[in-house]
Amino acid sequence: MPAKVVVYTASYCPYCRLAKEFLLSKKVVFEEIDVTDDEAMRKRLVRLSGQETVPQIFADGRPLGGYEELVAYYRSGKTL
């Protein structure tokens, strides 16, 4: 069964766009949560991931990291 993937993004972030395009190219269905103007959600993201940057990608609630970590995850032979 495919992982439940959640991507936290911001409208101004080029790496967010790249992460979403990468996931779409792999035919991964994901939920996007835009934290651009949502301070409460951004704080929640920091609590969940320990990171203040976006994108932050989660698979089944487990943090994978950002765009570069996502690409490295796939290069290692793993998939979502």
C-alpha atoms as a PDB file:
ATOM      1  CA  MET A   1       0.000   0.000   0.000  1.00  0.00           C
ATOM      2  CA  PRO A   2       1.436   3.405  -0.911  1.00  0.00           C
ATOM      3  CA  ALA A   3       2.595   5.724   1.840  1.00  0.00           C
ATOM      4  CA  LYS A   4       0.463   8.693   2.872  1.00  0.00           C
ATOM      5  CA  VAL A   5       2.645  11.585   1.738  1.00  0.00           C
ATOM      6  CA  VAL A   6       2.283  15.128   3.051  1.00  0.00           C
ATOM      7  CA  VAL A   7       4.316  18.033   1.674  1.00  0.00           C
ATOM      8  CA  TYR A   8       4.544  21.309   3.598  1.00  0.00           C
ATOM      9  CA  THR A   9       5.195  24.159   1.183  1.00  0.00           C
ATOM     10  CA  ALA A  10       5.327  27.929   0.805  1.00  0.00           C
ATOM     11  CA  SER A  11       4.255  29.835  -2.291  1.00  0.00           C
ATOM     12  CA  TYR A  12       7.611  31.627  -2.675  1.00  0.00           C
ATOM     13  CA  CYS A  13       9.747  28.460  -2.453  1.00  0.00           C
ATOM     14  CA  PRO A  14      11.360  27.106  -5.656  1.00  0.00           C
ATOM     15  CA  TYR A  15      12.387  23.866  -3.913  1.00  0.00           C
ATOM     16  CA  CYS A  16       8.738  23.290  -2.987  1.00  0.00           C
ATOM     17  CA  ARG A  17       7.823  23.450  -6.652  1.00  0.00           C
ATOM     18  CA  LEU A  18      10.648  21.046  -7.515  1.00  0.00           C
ATOM     19  CA  ALA A  19       9.592  18.597  -4.795  1.00  0.00           C
ATOM     20  CA  LYS A  20       5.987  18.596  -6.001  1.00  0.00           C
ATOM     21  CA  GLU A  21       7.061  18.131  -9.629  1.00  0.00           C
ATOM     22  CA  PHE A  22       9.368  15.282  -8.615  1.00  0.00           C
ATOM     23  CA  LEU A  23       6.601  13.510  -6.689  1.00  0.00           C
ATOM     24  CA  LEU A  24       4.179  13.973  -9.585  1.00  0.00           C
ATOM     25  CA  SER A  25       6.764  12.545 -11.996  1.00  0.00           C
ATOM     26  CA  LYS A  26       6.917   9.454  -9.760  1.00  0.00           C
ATOM     27  CA  LYS A  27       3.091   9.319  -9.707  1.00  0.00           C
ATOM     28  CA  VAL A  28       3.044   9.798  -5.934  1.00  0.00           C
ATOM     29  CA  VAL A  29      -0.249  11.088  -4.579  1.00  0.00           C
ATOM     30  CA  PHE A  30       0.358  13.673  -1.860  1.00  0.00           C
ATOM     31  CA  GLU A  31      -1.386  16.218   0.305  1.00  0.00           C
ATOM     32  CA  GLU A  32       0.034  19.733   0.144  1.00  0.00           C
ATOM     33  CA  ILE A  33      -0.124  22.007   3.166  1.00  0.00           C
ATOM     34  CA  ASP A  34       0.812  25.590   2.320  1.00  0.00           C
ATOM     35  CA  VAL A  35       2.273  27.374   5.343  1.00  0.00           C
ATOM     36  CA  THR A  36       2.975  30.673   3.538  1.00  0.00           C
ATOM     37  CA  ASP A  37       0.578  32.811   5.578  1.00  0.00           C
ATOM     38  CA  ASP A  38      -0.233  30.379   8.377  1.00  0.00           C
ATOM     39  CA  GLU A  39       2.002  31.007  11.387  1.00  0.00           C
ATOM     40  CA  ALA A  40       0.264  28.358  13.508  1.00  0.00           C
ATOM     41  CA  MET A  41       0.801  25.690  10.842  1.00  0.00           C
ATOM     42  CA  ARG A  42       4.423  26.772  10.400  1.00  0.00           C
ATOM     43  CA  LYS A  43       4.995  26.345  14.144  1.00  0.00           C
ATOM     44  CA  ARG A  44       3.362  22.918  13.965  1.00  0.00           C
ATOM     45  CA  LEU A  45       5.701  22.008  11.107  1.00  0.00           C
ATOM     46  CA  VAL A  46       8.743  23.000  13.176  1.00  0.00           C
ATOM     47  CA  ARG A  47       7.484  20.831  16.054  1.00  0.00           C
ATOM     48  CA  LEU A  48       6.933  17.877  13.705  1.00  0.00           C
ATOM     49  CA  SER A  49      10.136  18.104  11.698  1.00  0.00           C
ATOM     50  CA  GLY A  50      12.570  20.102  13.812  1.00  0.00           C
ATOM     51  CA  GLN A  51      13.149  22.215  10.690  1.00  0.00           C
ATOM     52  CA  GLU A  52      12.125  25.767   9.825  1.00  0.00           C
ATOM     53  CA  THR A  53      12.605  25.379   6.081  1.00  0.00           C
ATOM     54  CA  VAL A  54      10.229  24.197   3.397  1.00  0.00           C
ATOM     55  CA  PRO A  55       9.531  21.922   1.745  1.00  0.00           C
ATOM     56  CA  GLN A  56       9.249  19.309   4.422  1.00  0.00           C
ATOM     57  CA  ILE A  57       8.049  15.941   3.230  1.00  0.00           C
ATOM     58  CA  PHE A  58       6.492  13.247   5.399  1.00  0.00           C
ATOM     59  CA  ALA A  59       5.658   9.646   4.499  1.00  0.00           C
ATOM     60  CA  ASP A  60       3.234   7.918   6.860  1.00  0.00           C
ATOM     61  CA  GLY A  61       4.038  10.580   9.456  1.00  0.00           C
ATOM     62  CA  ARG A  62       7.796  10.015   9.204  1.00  0.00           C
ATOM     63  CA  PRO A  63       9.876  13.045   8.165  1.00  0.00           C
ATOM     64  CA  LEU A  64      11.935  12.530   5.006  1.00  0.00           C
ATOM     65  CA  GLY A  65      13.348  16.056   4.825  1.00  0.00           C
ATOM     66  CA  GLY A  66      13.280  18.474   1.928  1.00  0.00           C
ATOM     67  CA  TYR A  67      13.696  18.260  -1.820  1.00  0.00           C
ATOM     68  CA  GLU A  68      17.323  17.106  -1.804  1.00  0.00           C
ATOM     69  CA  GLU A  69      16.603  14.403   0.768  1.00  0.00           C
ATOM     70  CA  LEU A  70      13.624  13.249  -1.316  1.00  0.00           C
ATOM     71  CA  VAL A  71      15.777  12.853  -4.423  1.00  0.00           C
ATOM     72  CA  ALA A  72      18.482  11.049  -2.410  1.00  0.00           C
ATOM     73  CA  TYR A  73      15.803   8.723  -0.989  1.00  0.00           C
ATOM     74  CA  TYR A  74      14.818   7.696  -4.511  1.00  0.00           C
ATOM     75  CA  ARG A  75      18.434   7.441  -5.699  1.00  0.00           C
ATOM     76  CA  SER A  76      19.065   4.954  -2.892  1.00  0.00           C
ATOM     77  CA  GLY A  77      16.488   2.675  -4.514  1.00  0.00           C
ATOM     78  CA  LYS A  78      13.606   3.362  -2.159  1.00  0.00           C
ATOM     79  CA  THR A  79      10.183   4.522  -3.310  1.00  0.00           C
ATOM     80  CA  LEU A  80       7.063   5.912  -1.725  1.00  0.00           C
END
